[in-house]
Amino acid sequence: MPPSLPAGFTVRPVTLDDVDAVMGLMAASSLAAVGEADVTRDEVVADLTRPTLDLTNDSWLVHDAGGVGVAYGVVFHDHVERVFVDVYLHPGVDDDTYRLVGGWLVATGMAQLRGYLEASGRRSAVVSSGCYREERRQAGLLVAAEMRLARVYWRMRRELGPADAAPFHLPPGVTVSVPDLGNEAVRRVCHALATESFRDHHGFVEESYEKFWEDAGRPPLYDPTQWWLAAVDGEPAGLLIGDESRADEGGGYIATLGVLARYRGRGAAKALLRTAFAELVRRGRTAASLGVDSENATGATKLYESVGMSPVITIDFYESVLHV
């Protein structure tokens, strides 16, 4: 990897005044790759205000010799055992610039993560990074950093219409309710459902009750009116969490959907989805989307297809083991 940026290029940490600049780079990258600006301002704000993110040391905004922002890099280390490096370059840069600047960002991010790992006392961690399937230059950066394709994720979407707001019959034994998130016992049920229903999923890292709510309850994405609990035969069985991250584009986003293994096949997940779709239509939204592991072992992709959702974007996740 190059020890420094190309001549004339400069770098500085990202600040919260750079939200629009960062969003612009991410939007340009996705627009060139998949034909749509696959990012919203709220998502960028949520990322840059993570409690564990030290913008001064964990983020980089690169400008070319003319002062134009051409690249953005960031590392996330919420969990020391699984960490992330994300790099975005403007698609208009030439191949040499892409390789040199992108390579510098990946190498710099890896070095920063290695420092966190060493400080934690751990000897190794899984480091991940994602890119759109169409971003061959981005994939080349990750392969050059000795990362390998480990998983394929889909962004799935369904167009919504008035029929989705019509009443529907719940399956036998299934009920759906909006939880009282001001109630400590209910908050603990939500944490338990989110933990246990995802325990066998790729990349799962268990979060404490406190960490779960630190993440889930942060603005601007937190919306307690888009949380639903499903019960089966009176017992807590599943949880759906929606947020407003896609409101700017007239859509809704399902951030989390999990059902305990012993209650799968009873229709709880589909009931949660149909409830969320109905609420989105009432809010005037025209589509619902979510992200899913295409190799999900619980049959999630088939579930989403059964309610009319289909893959619209493919995101490849590369991984390697970082050692100290």
C-alpha atoms as a PDB file:
ATOM      1  CA  MET A   1       0.000   0.000   0.000  1.00  0.00           C
ATOM      2  CA  PRO A   2       1.259   3.540  -0.708  1.00  0.00           C
ATOM      3  CA  PRO A   3       2.858   5.235   2.332  1.00  0.00           C
ATOM      4  CA  SER A   4       1.296   8.592   1.463  1.00  0.00           C
ATOM      5  CA  LEU A   5      -1.301  10.240  -0.740  1.00  0.00           C
ATOM      6  CA  PRO A   6      -0.397  11.335  -4.283  1.00  0.00           C
ATOM      7  CA  ALA A   7       1.372  14.689  -4.592  1.00  0.00           C
ATOM      8  CA  GLY A   8      -0.955  17.651  -4.143  1.00  0.00           C
ATOM      9  CA  PHE A   9      -3.675  15.685  -2.355  1.00  0.00           C
ATOM     10  CA  THR A  10      -4.616  16.643   1.211  1.00  0.00           C
ATOM     11  CA  VAL A  11      -6.524  14.925   3.979  1.00  0.00           C
ATOM     12  CA  ARG A  12      -8.250  16.027   7.153  1.00  0.00           C
ATOM     13  CA  PRO A  13     -10.712  14.522   9.629  1.00  0.00           C
ATOM     14  CA  VAL A  14     -14.423  14.738   8.904  1.00  0.00           C
ATOM     15  CA  THR A  15     -16.516  17.113  11.021  1.00  0.00           C
ATOM     16  CA  LEU A  16     -20.274  17.374  11.406  1.00  0.00           C
ATOM     17  CA  ASP A  17     -20.119  20.331   9.016  1.00  0.00           C
ATOM     18  CA  ASP A  18     -19.135  17.815   6.307  1.00  0.00           C
ATOM     19  CA  VAL A  19     -22.396  15.838   6.330  1.00  0.00           C
ATOM     20  CA  ASP A  20     -23.423  17.118   2.900  1.00  0.00           C
ATOM     21  CA  ALA A  21     -19.928  16.574   1.440  1.00  0.00           C
ATOM     22  CA  VAL A  22     -19.832  12.986   2.723  1.00  0.00           C
ATOM     23  CA  MET A  23     -23.365  12.341   1.509  1.00  0.00           C
ATOM     24  CA  GLY A  24     -22.420  13.750  -1.896  1.00  0.00           C
ATOM     25  CA  LEU A  25     -19.514  11.327  -2.273  1.00  0.00           C
ATOM     26  CA  MET A  26     -21.621   8.363  -1.147  1.00  0.00           C
ATOM     27  CA  ALA A  27     -24.487   9.359  -3.439  1.00  0.00           C
ATOM     28  CA  ALA A  28     -22.195   9.815  -6.454  1.00  0.00           C
ATOM     29  CA  SER A  29     -20.646   6.410  -5.798  1.00  0.00           C
ATOM     30  CA  SER A  30     -23.993   4.603  -5.598  1.00  0.00           C
ATOM     31  CA  LEU A  31     -25.506   6.548  -8.494  1.00  0.00           C
ATOM     32  CA  ALA A  32     -22.683   5.431 -10.771  1.00  0.00           C
ATOM     33  CA  ALA A  33     -22.873   1.835  -9.531  1.00  0.00           C
ATOM     34  CA  VAL A  34     -26.593   1.093  -9.216  1.00  0.00           C
ATOM     35  CA  GLY A  35     -28.338   4.064 -10.804  1.00  0.00           C
ATOM     36  CA  GLU A  36     -29.731   5.607  -7.628  1.00  0.00           C
ATOM     37  CA  ALA A  37     -28.463   7.683  -4.716  1.00  0.00           C
ATOM     38  CA  ASP A  38     -28.593   4.883  -2.157  1.00  0.00           C
ATOM     39  CA  VAL A  39     -28.066   7.094   0.899  1.00  0.00           C
ATOM     40  CA  THR A  40     -29.963   9.709   2.881  1.00  0.00           C
ATOM     41  CA  ARG A  41     -28.796  12.593   5.029  1.00  0.00           C
ATOM     42  CA  ASP A  42     -30.213  11.011   8.188  1.00  0.00           C
ATOM     43  CA  GLU A  43     -28.152   7.877   7.610  1.00  0.00           C
ATOM     44  CA  VAL A  44     -24.963   9.925   7.286  1.00  0.00           C
ATOM     45  CA  VAL A  45     -25.780  11.905  10.438  1.00  0.00           C
ATOM     46  CA  ALA A  46     -26.495   8.673  12.329  1.00  0.00           C
ATOM     47  CA  ASP A  47     -23.142   7.198  11.298  1.00  0.00           C
ATOM     48  CA  LEU A  48     -21.101  10.302  12.079  1.00  0.00           C
ATOM     49  CA  THR A  49     -22.674  10.691  15.526  1.00  0.00           C
ATOM     50  CA  ARG A  50     -22.081   7.134  16.738  1.00  0.00           C
ATOM     51  CA  PRO A  51     -20.931   7.331  20.381  1.00  0.00           C
ATOM     52  CA  THR A  52     -17.894   5.125  19.671  1.00  0.00           C
ATOM     53  CA  LEU A  53     -16.767   7.095  16.602  1.00  0.00           C
ATOM     54  CA  ASP A  54     -13.909   9.513  17.185  1.00  0.00           C
ATOM     55  CA  LEU A  55     -14.146  11.679  14.075  1.00  0.00           C
ATOM     56  CA  THR A  56     -10.709  13.187  14.653  1.00  0.00           C
ATOM     57  CA  ASN A  57      -8.966   9.801  14.452  1.00  0.00           C
ATOM     58  CA  ASP A  58     -11.464   7.514  12.709  1.00  0.00           C
ATOM     59  CA  SER A  59     -12.436   9.488   9.602  1.00  0.00           C
ATOM     60  CA  TRP A  60     -10.683  10.996   6.595  1.00  0.00           C
ATOM     61  CA  LEU A  61     -11.826  13.412   3.886  1.00  0.00           C
ATOM     62  CA  VAL A  62      -9.450  13.626   0.924  1.00  0.00           C
ATOM     63  CA  HIS A  63      -9.230  16.610  -1.439  1.00  0.00           C
ATOM     64  CA  ASP A  64      -7.389  16.779  -4.734  1.00  0.00           C
ATOM     65  CA  ALA A  65      -4.892  19.470  -5.694  1.00  0.00           C
ATOM     66  CA  GLY A  66      -7.746  21.752  -6.719  1.00  0.00           C
ATOM     67  CA  GLY A  67      -9.449  21.456  -3.325  1.00  0.00           C
ATOM     68  CA  VAL A  68     -12.253  19.191  -4.554  1.00  0.00           C
ATOM     69  CA  GLY A  69     -13.374  16.429  -2.178  1.00  0.00           C
ATOM     70  CA  VAL A  70     -12.736  13.115  -3.922  1.00  0.00           C
ATOM     71  CA  ALA A  71     -12.772  10.456  -1.192  1.00  0.00           C
ATOM     72  CA  TYR A  72     -14.060   9.620   2.267  1.00  0.00           C
ATOM     73  CA  GLY A  73     -12.980   6.885   4.633  1.00  0.00           C
ATOM     74  CA  VAL A  74     -14.160   5.841   8.092  1.00  0.00           C
ATOM     75  CA  VAL A  75     -13.668   2.976  10.519  1.00  0.00           C
ATOM     76  CA  PHE A  76     -16.245   1.629  12.964  1.00  0.00           C
ATOM     77  CA  HIS A  77     -15.228  -0.345  16.026  1.00  0.00           C
ATOM     78  CA  ASP A  78     -18.393  -0.620  18.092  1.00  0.00           C
ATOM     79  CA  HIS A  79     -17.381  -4.230  18.796  1.00  0.00           C
ATOM     80  CA  VAL A  80     -13.686  -5.042  18.971  1.00  0.00           C
ATOM     81  CA  GLU A  81     -14.206  -8.611  17.724  1.00  0.00           C
ATOM     82  CA  ARG A  82     -15.830  -7.396  14.468  1.00  0.00           C
ATOM     83  CA  VAL A  83     -14.806  -4.055  12.967  1.00  0.00           C
ATOM     84  CA  PHE A  84     -15.428  -2.194   9.708  1.00  0.00           C
ATOM     85  CA  VAL A  85     -13.580  -0.011   7.250  1.00  0.00           C
ATOM     86  CA  ASP A  86     -15.646   1.932   4.705  1.00  0.00           C
ATOM     87  CA  VAL A  87     -14.175   3.828   1.757  1.00  0.00           C
ATOM     88  CA  TYR A  88     -15.979   5.932  -0.864  1.00  0.00           C
ATOM     89  CA  LEU A  89     -14.359   7.558  -3.884  1.00  0.00           C
ATOM     90  CA  HIS A  90     -15.916   9.830  -6.452  1.00  0.00           C
ATOM     91  CA  PRO A  91     -16.537   7.705  -9.575  1.00  0.00           C
ATOM     92  CA  GLY A  92     -15.099  10.441 -11.779  1.00  0.00           C
ATOM     93  CA  VAL A  93     -11.510   9.978 -10.602  1.00  0.00           C
ATOM     94  CA  ASP A  94      -9.149   8.113 -12.940  1.00  0.00           C
ATOM     95  CA  ASP A  95      -7.987   4.581 -12.245  1.00  0.00           C
ATOM     96  CA  ASP A  96      -4.574   5.559 -10.854  1.00  0.00           C
ATOM     97  CA  THR A  97      -6.091   8.085  -8.453  1.00  0.00           C
ATOM     98  CA  TYR A  98      -8.726   5.578  -7.395  1.00  0.00           C
ATOM     99  CA  ARG A  99      -6.090   2.941  -6.682  1.00  0.00           C
ATOM    100  CA  LEU A 100      -3.669   5.245  -4.852  1.00  0.00           C
ATOM    101  CA  VAL A 101      -6.152   7.265  -2.807  1.00  0.00           C
ATOM    102  CA  GLY A 102      -8.394   4.298  -2.117  1.00  0.00           C
ATOM    103  CA  GLY A 103      -5.436   2.131  -1.198  1.00  0.00           C
ATOM    104  CA  TRP A 104      -4.170   4.796   1.192  1.00  0.00           C
ATOM    105  CA  LEU A 105      -7.574   5.054   2.877  1.00  0.00           C
ATOM    106  CA  VAL A 106      -7.931   1.291   3.299  1.00  0.00           C
ATOM    107  CA  ALA A 107      -4.381   0.961   4.660  1.00  0.00           C
ATOM    108  CA  THR A 108      -4.834   3.910   7.014  1.00  0.00           C
ATOM    109  CA  GLY A 109      -8.147   2.554   8.261  1.00  0.00           C
ATOM    110  CA  MET A 110      -6.624  -0.877   8.852  1.00  0.00           C
ATOM    111  CA  ALA A 111      -3.784   0.669  10.841  1.00  0.00           C
ATOM    112  CA  GLN A 112      -6.243   2.588  13.002  1.00  0.00           C
ATOM    113  CA  LEU A 113      -8.288  -0.544  13.665  1.00  0.00           C
ATOM    114  CA  ARG A 114      -5.138  -2.492  14.512  1.00  0.00           C
ATOM    115  CA  GLY A 115      -4.348   0.148  17.138  1.00  0.00           C
ATOM    116  CA  TYR A 116      -7.781  -0.263  18.728  1.00  0.00           C
ATOM    117  CA  LEU A 117      -7.381  -4.020  18.670  1.00  0.00           C
ATOM    118  CA  GLU A 118      -3.992  -3.869  20.342  1.00  0.00           C
ATOM    119  CA  ALA A 119      -5.296  -1.484  23.019  1.00  0.00           C
ATOM    120  CA  SER A 120      -8.147  -3.897  23.785  1.00  0.00           C
ATOM    121  CA  GLY A 121      -5.756  -6.739  24.542  1.00  0.00           C
ATOM    122  CA  ARG A 122      -7.236  -8.947  21.809  1.00  0.00           C
ATOM    123  CA  ARG A 123      -4.943 -10.615  19.298  1.00  0.00           C
ATOM    124  CA  SER A 124      -7.274 -10.667  16.305  1.00  0.00           C
ATOM    125  CA  ALA A 125     -10.586  -9.420  14.929  1.00  0.00           C
ATOM    126  CA  VAL A 126     -12.665  -9.834  11.779  1.00  0.00           C
ATOM    127  CA  VAL A 127     -12.567  -6.702   9.614  1.00  0.00           C
ATOM    128  CA  SER A 128     -15.284  -6.209   6.991  1.00  0.00           C
ATOM    129  CA  SER A 129     -15.997  -3.818   4.144  1.00  0.00           C
ATOM    130  CA  GLY A 130     -18.807  -3.719   1.610  1.00  0.00           C
ATOM    131  CA  CYS A 131     -19.236  -2.498  -1.932  1.00  0.00           C
ATOM    132  CA  TYR A 132     -21.863  -2.683  -4.632  1.00  0.00           C
ATOM    133  CA  ARG A 133     -21.467  -5.667  -6.958  1.00  0.00           C
ATOM    134  CA  GLU A 134     -20.905  -3.250  -9.854  1.00  0.00           C
ATOM    135  CA  GLU A 135     -18.012  -1.440  -8.130  1.00  0.00           C
ATOM    136  CA  ARG A 136     -15.147  -3.440  -9.582  1.00  0.00           C
ATOM    137  CA  ARG A 137     -12.530  -0.828  -8.703  1.00  0.00           C
ATOM    138  CA  GLN A 138     -13.713  -0.814  -5.097  1.00  0.00           C
ATOM    139  CA  ALA A 139     -13.583  -4.592  -4.977  1.00  0.00           C
ATOM    140  CA  GLY A 140     -10.041  -4.399  -6.331  1.00  0.00           C
ATOM    141  CA  LEU A 141      -8.994  -2.201  -3.408  1.00  0.00           C
ATOM    142  CA  LEU A 142     -10.322  -4.741  -0.917  1.00  0.00           C
ATOM    143  CA  VAL A 143      -8.739  -7.715  -2.651  1.00  0.00           C
ATOM    144  CA  ALA A 144      -5.422  -5.836  -2.754  1.00  0.00           C
ATOM    145  CA  ALA A 145      -5.766  -5.445   1.027  1.00  0.00           C
ATOM    146  CA  GLU A 146      -5.993  -9.261   1.255  1.00  0.00           C
ATOM    147  CA  MET A 147      -9.722  -9.314   1.955  1.00  0.00           C
ATOM    148  CA  ARG A 148     -11.935 -11.986   0.421  1.00  0.00           C
ATOM    149  CA  LEU A 149     -15.571 -12.079  -0.607  1.00  0.00           C
ATOM    150  CA  ALA A 150     -17.347 -13.549   2.408  1.00  0.00           C
ATOM    151  CA  ARG A 151     -21.034 -12.751   2.035  1.00  0.00           C
ATOM    152  CA  VAL A 152     -23.559 -11.298  -0.384  1.00  0.00           C
ATOM    153  CA  TYR A 153     -26.288  -9.006   0.907  1.00  0.00           C
ATOM    154  CA  TRP A 154     -29.387  -7.809  -0.927  1.00  0.00           C
ATOM    155  CA  ARG A 155     -31.322  -4.602  -0.637  1.00  0.00           C
ATOM    156  CA  MET A 156     -34.911  -5.759  -1.161  1.00  0.00           C
ATOM    157  CA  ARG A 157     -37.817  -3.481  -1.951  1.00  0.00           C
ATOM    158  CA  ARG A 158     -41.574  -3.589  -2.446  1.00  0.00           C
ATOM    159  CA  GLU A 159     -43.750  -0.902  -3.951  1.00  0.00           C
ATOM    160  CA  LEU A 160     -46.720  -0.050  -1.726  1.00  0.00           C
ATOM    161  CA  GLY A 161     -50.276   0.962  -2.565  1.00  0.00           C
ATOM    162  CA  PRO A 162     -53.670   1.567  -0.940  1.00  0.00           C
ATOM    163  CA  ALA A 163     -54.397  -2.166  -0.746  1.00  0.00           C
ATOM    164  CA  ASP A 164     -51.540  -2.563   1.742  1.00  0.00           C
ATOM    165  CA  ALA A 165     -53.456  -0.446   4.272  1.00  0.00           C
ATOM    166  CA  ALA A 166     -56.497  -2.736   4.229  1.00  0.00           C
ATOM    167  CA  PRO A 167     -57.259  -4.768   7.385  1.00  0.00           C
ATOM    168  CA  PHE A 168     -55.965  -8.333   7.387  1.00  0.00           C
ATOM    169  CA  HIS A 169     -56.550 -11.433   9.482  1.00  0.00           C
ATOM    170  CA  LEU A 170     -53.780 -12.406  11.877  1.00  0.00           C
ATOM    171  CA  PRO A 171     -52.731 -16.073  11.924  1.00  0.00           C
ATOM    172  CA  PRO A 172     -54.137 -18.201  14.754  1.00  0.00           C
ATOM    173  CA  GLY A 173     -52.467 -17.404  18.076  1.00  0.00           C
ATOM    174  CA  VAL A 174     -50.582 -14.371  16.728  1.00  0.00           C
ATOM    175  CA  THR A 175     -51.005 -10.812  17.982  1.00  0.00           C
ATOM    176  CA  VAL A 176     -49.137  -7.640  17.024  1.00  0.00           C
ATOM    177  CA  SER A 177     -48.803  -4.546  19.193  1.00  0.00           C
ATOM    178  CA  VAL A 178     -46.840  -1.315  19.492  1.00  0.00           C
ATOM    179  CA  PRO A 179     -44.599  -1.745  22.559  1.00  0.00           C
ATOM    180  CA  ASP A 180     -44.502   0.781  25.379  1.00  0.00           C
ATOM    181  CA  LEU A 181     -40.820   1.677  25.106  1.00  0.00           C
ATOM    182  CA  GLY A 182     -41.043   3.779  28.231  1.00  0.00           C
ATOM    183  CA  ASN A 183     -41.522   0.561  30.209  1.00  0.00           C
ATOM    184  CA  GLU A 184     -38.262  -1.012  31.406  1.00  0.00           C
ATOM    185  CA  ALA A 185     -39.628  -4.559  31.250  1.00  0.00           C
ATOM    186  CA  VAL A 186     -40.790  -4.056  27.658  1.00  0.00           C
ATOM    187  CA  ARG A 187     -37.410  -2.602  26.687  1.00  0.00           C
ATOM    188  CA  ARG A 188     -35.739  -5.710  28.057  1.00  0.00           C
ATOM    189  CA  VAL A 189     -38.103  -7.933  26.053  1.00  0.00           C
ATOM    190  CA  CYS A 190     -37.148  -6.026  22.886  1.00  0.00           C
ATOM    191  CA  HIS A 191     -33.454  -6.481  23.618  1.00  0.00           C
ATOM    192  CA  ALA A 192     -33.905 -10.192  24.296  1.00  0.00           C
ATOM    193  CA  LEU A 193     -35.849 -10.718  21.052  1.00  0.00           C
ATOM    194  CA  ALA A 194     -33.299  -8.809  18.978  1.00  0.00           C
ATOM    195  CA  THR A 195     -30.491 -10.822  20.546  1.00  0.00           C
ATOM    196  CA  GLU A 196     -31.914 -14.324  20.432  1.00  0.00           C
ATOM    197  CA  SER A 197     -33.529 -14.127  16.985  1.00  0.00           C
ATOM    198  CA  PHE A 198     -30.215 -13.088  15.372  1.00  0.00           C
ATOM    199  CA  ARG A 199     -27.823 -15.273  17.344  1.00  0.00           C
ATOM    200  CA  ASP A 200     -27.177 -17.684  14.469  1.00  0.00           C
ATOM    201  CA  HIS A 201     -26.851 -15.018  11.772  1.00  0.00           C
ATOM    202  CA  HIS A 202     -23.614 -14.249   9.946  1.00  0.00           C
ATOM    203  CA  GLY A 203     -21.642 -11.528  11.692  1.00  0.00           C
ATOM    204  CA  PHE A 204     -23.718 -11.626  14.878  1.00  0.00           C
ATOM    205  CA  VAL A 205     -22.125  -9.890  17.859  1.00  0.00           C
ATOM    206  CA  GLU A 206     -24.080  -9.891  21.102  1.00  0.00           C
ATOM    207  CA  GLU A 207     -24.801  -6.460  22.557  1.00  0.00           C
ATOM    208  CA  SER A 208     -25.475  -5.681  26.173  1.00  0.00           C
ATOM    209  CA  TYR A 209     -28.837  -4.204  27.080  1.00  0.00           C
ATOM    210  CA  GLU A 210     -27.205  -0.810  27.546  1.00  0.00           C
ATOM    211  CA  LYS A 211     -25.345  -0.927  24.214  1.00  0.00           C
ATOM    212  CA  PHE A 212     -28.440  -2.085  22.338  1.00  0.00           C
ATOM    213  CA  TRP A 213     -30.444   0.909  23.530  1.00  0.00           C
ATOM    214  CA  GLU A 214     -27.546   3.298  23.062  1.00  0.00           C
ATOM    215  CA  ASP A 215     -27.579   2.335  19.368  1.00  0.00           C
ATOM    216  CA  ALA A 216     -31.304   1.773  18.825  1.00  0.00           C
ATOM    217  CA  GLY A 217     -32.469   4.884  20.640  1.00  0.00           C
ATOM    218  CA  ARG A 218     -30.258   7.433  18.895  1.00  0.00           C
ATOM    219  CA  PRO A 219     -31.698  10.180  16.702  1.00  0.00           C
ATOM    220  CA  PRO A 220     -32.287  10.849  13.889  1.00  0.00           C
ATOM    221  CA  LEU A 221     -33.268   7.255  12.964  1.00  0.00           C
ATOM    222  CA  TYR A 222     -35.061   6.251  16.169  1.00  0.00           C
ATOM    223  CA  ASP A 223     -38.843   6.282  15.779  1.00  0.00           C
ATOM    224  CA  PRO A 224     -40.720   4.485  18.593  1.00  0.00           C
ATOM    225  CA  THR A 225     -43.950   4.591  16.562  1.00  0.00           C
ATOM    226  CA  GLN A 226     -42.395   2.108  14.112  1.00  0.00           C
ATOM    227  CA  TRP A 227     -41.600  -0.644  16.606  1.00  0.00           C
ATOM    228  CA  TRP A 228     -43.913  -3.659  16.757  1.00  0.00           C
ATOM    229  CA  LEU A 229     -43.917  -6.764  18.919  1.00  0.00           C
ATOM    230  CA  ALA A 230     -45.460 -10.059  17.848  1.00  0.00           C
ATOM    231  CA  ALA A 231     -46.699 -12.589  20.379  1.00  0.00           C
ATOM    232  CA  VAL A 232     -47.523 -16.214  19.707  1.00  0.00           C
ATOM    233  CA  ASP A 233     -49.940 -17.873  22.136  1.00  0.00           C
ATOM    234  CA  GLY A 234     -49.357 -14.932  24.451  1.00  0.00           C
ATOM    235  CA  GLU A 235     -45.557 -15.210  24.532  1.00  0.00           C
ATOM    236  CA  PRO A 236     -43.143 -12.609  23.039  1.00  0.00           C
ATOM    237  CA  ALA A 237     -42.053 -14.065  19.710  1.00  0.00           C
ATOM    238  CA  GLY A 238     -40.805 -11.398  17.294  1.00  0.00           C
ATOM    239  CA  LEU A 239     -39.762  -7.794  16.817  1.00  0.00           C
ATOM    240  CA  LEU A 240     -39.849  -5.401  13.866  1.00  0.00           C
ATOM    241  CA  ILE A 241     -38.038  -2.057  13.988  1.00  0.00           C
ATOM    242  CA  GLY A 242     -38.670   0.516  11.274  1.00  0.00           C
ATOM    243  CA  ASP A 243     -37.031   3.896  10.917  1.00  0.00           C
ATOM    244  CA  GLU A 244     -37.251   7.105   8.922  1.00  0.00           C
ATOM    245  CA  SER A 245     -33.957   6.734   7.063  1.00  0.00           C
ATOM    246  CA  ARG A 246     -35.731   6.532   3.690  1.00  0.00           C
ATOM    247  CA  ALA A 247     -38.383   9.166   4.326  1.00  0.00           C
ATOM    248  CA  ASP A 248     -36.548  11.716   2.151  1.00  0.00           C
ATOM    249  CA  GLU A 249     -37.160   9.503  -0.868  1.00  0.00           C
ATOM    250  CA  GLY A 250     -40.762   8.685   0.031  1.00  0.00           C
ATOM    251  CA  GLY A 251     -40.043   5.230   1.385  1.00  0.00           C
ATOM    252  CA  GLY A 252     -39.901   3.302   4.627  1.00  0.00           C
ATOM    253  CA  TYR A 253     -37.059   1.166   5.947  1.00  0.00           C
ATOM    254  CA  ILE A 254     -37.243  -2.019   8.005  1.00  0.00           C
ATOM    255  CA  ALA A 255     -34.051  -1.970  10.034  1.00  0.00           C
ATOM    256  CA  THR A 256     -34.674  -5.142  12.074  1.00  0.00           C
ATOM    257  CA  LEU A 257     -37.013  -8.103  11.801  1.00  0.00           C
ATOM    258  CA  GLY A 258     -36.450 -11.138  13.971  1.00  0.00           C
ATOM    259  CA  VAL A 259     -38.566 -14.031  15.230  1.00  0.00           C
ATOM    260  CA  LEU A 260     -37.449 -16.569  17.818  1.00  0.00           C
ATOM    261  CA  ALA A 261     -36.635 -19.947  16.264  1.00  0.00           C
ATOM    262  CA  ARG A 262     -39.310 -21.826  18.215  1.00  0.00           C
ATOM    263  CA  TYR A 263     -42.055 -19.576  16.823  1.00  0.00           C
ATOM    264  CA  ARG A 264     -41.017 -19.497  13.180  1.00  0.00           C
ATOM    265  CA  GLY A 265     -43.565 -20.873  10.748  1.00  0.00           C
ATOM    266  CA  ARG A 266     -46.527 -19.487  12.707  1.00  0.00           C
ATOM    267  CA  GLY A 267     -46.931 -16.369  10.558  1.00  0.00           C
ATOM    268  CA  ALA A 268     -45.551 -13.853  13.070  1.00  0.00           C
ATOM    269  CA  ALA A 269     -42.932 -12.383  10.714  1.00  0.00           C
ATOM    270  CA  LYS A 270     -45.426 -11.932   7.891  1.00  0.00           C
ATOM    271  CA  ALA A 271     -47.894 -10.310  10.279  1.00  0.00           C
ATOM    272  CA  LEU A 272     -45.207  -7.861  11.418  1.00  0.00           C
ATOM    273  CA  LEU A 273     -44.345  -7.002   7.823  1.00  0.00           C
ATOM    274  CA  ARG A 274     -47.954  -6.457   6.814  1.00  0.00           C
ATOM    275  CA  THR A 275     -48.454  -4.239   9.870  1.00  0.00           C
ATOM    276  CA  ALA A 276     -45.406  -2.165   8.923  1.00  0.00           C
ATOM    277  CA  PHE A 277     -46.534  -1.894   5.284  1.00  0.00           C
ATOM    278  CA  ALA A 278     -49.959  -0.652   6.375  1.00  0.00           C
ATOM    279  CA  GLU A 279     -48.430   2.021   8.601  1.00  0.00           C
ATOM    280  CA  LEU A 280     -46.116   3.190   5.818  1.00  0.00           C
ATOM    281  CA  VAL A 281     -49.053   3.587   3.435  1.00  0.00           C
ATOM    282  CA  ARG A 282     -50.913   5.590   6.081  1.00  0.00           C
ATOM    283  CA  ARG A 283     -47.859   7.860   6.208  1.00  0.00           C
ATOM    284  CA  GLY A 284     -47.970   8.333   2.455  1.00  0.00           C
ATOM    285  CA  ARG A 285     -44.933   6.179   1.690  1.00  0.00           C
ATOM    286  CA  THR A 286     -44.739   4.442  -1.660  1.00  0.00           C
ATOM    287  CA  ALA A 287     -42.174   1.697  -0.977  1.00  0.00           C
ATOM    288  CA  ALA A 288     -40.620  -0.405   1.780  1.00  0.00           C
ATOM    289  CA  SER A 289     -37.049  -1.683   1.755  1.00  0.00           C
ATOM    290  CA  LEU A 290     -34.655  -3.655   3.924  1.00  0.00           C
ATOM    291  CA  GLY A 291     -31.270  -5.343   3.841  1.00  0.00           C
ATOM    292  CA  VAL A 292     -30.821  -9.101   4.118  1.00  0.00           C
ATOM    293  CA  ASP A 293     -28.073 -11.694   3.951  1.00  0.00           C
ATOM    294  CA  SER A 294     -28.786 -13.516   0.680  1.00  0.00           C
ATOM    295  CA  GLU A 295     -27.529 -16.748   2.297  1.00  0.00           C
ATOM    296  CA  ASN A 296     -29.658 -16.322   5.412  1.00  0.00           C
ATOM    297  CA  ALA A 297     -30.167 -19.746   6.971  1.00  0.00           C
ATOM    298  CA  THR A 298     -33.585 -18.942   8.457  1.00  0.00           C
ATOM    299  CA  GLY A 299     -35.347 -18.531   5.109  1.00  0.00           C
ATOM    300  CA  ALA A 300     -35.667 -14.749   5.389  1.00  0.00           C
ATOM    301  CA  THR A 301     -35.240 -14.125   1.667  1.00  0.00           C
ATOM    302  CA  LYS A 302     -38.129 -16.472   0.848  1.00  0.00           C
ATOM    303  CA  LEU A 303     -40.253 -14.766   3.484  1.00  0.00           C
ATOM    304  CA  TYR A 304     -39.635 -11.356   1.941  1.00  0.00           C
ATOM    305  CA  GLU A 305     -40.308 -12.660  -1.550  1.00  0.00           C
ATOM    306  CA  SER A 306     -43.605 -14.121  -0.284  1.00  0.00           C
ATOM    307  CA  VAL A 307     -44.810 -10.619   0.633  1.00  0.00           C
ATOM    308  CA  GLY A 308     -43.801  -9.153  -2.719  1.00  0.00           C
ATOM    309  CA  MET A 309     -40.287  -7.890  -1.987  1.00  0.00           C
ATOM    310  CA  SER A 310     -37.505  -8.449  -4.499  1.00  0.00           C
ATOM    311  CA  PRO A 311     -33.751  -7.766  -4.670  1.00  0.00           C
ATOM    312  CA  VAL A 312     -32.865  -4.425  -6.256  1.00  0.00           C
ATOM    313  CA  ILE A 313     -29.246  -3.951  -5.133  1.00  0.00           C
ATOM    314  CA  THR A 314     -26.467  -6.465  -4.449  1.00  0.00           C
ATOM    315  CA  ILE A 315     -23.781  -5.603  -1.911  1.00  0.00           C
ATOM    316  CA  ASP A 316     -20.677  -7.780  -1.585  1.00  0.00           C
ATOM    317  CA  PHE A 317     -19.039  -7.969   1.829  1.00  0.00           C
ATOM    318  CA  TYR A 318     -15.326  -8.665   1.995  1.00  0.00           C
ATOM    319  CA  GLU A 319     -13.589  -9.842   5.141  1.00  0.00           C
ATOM    320  CA  SER A 320     -10.185 -10.677   6.537  1.00  0.00           C
ATOM    321  CA  VAL A 321      -8.738 -11.407   9.953  1.00  0.00           C
ATOM    322  CA  LEU A 322      -6.814  -8.498  11.413  1.00  0.00           C
ATOM    323  CA  HIS A 323      -3.903  -9.529  13.632  1.00  0.00           C
ATOM    324  CA  VAL A 324      -1.681  -7.658  16.061  1.00  0.00           C
END
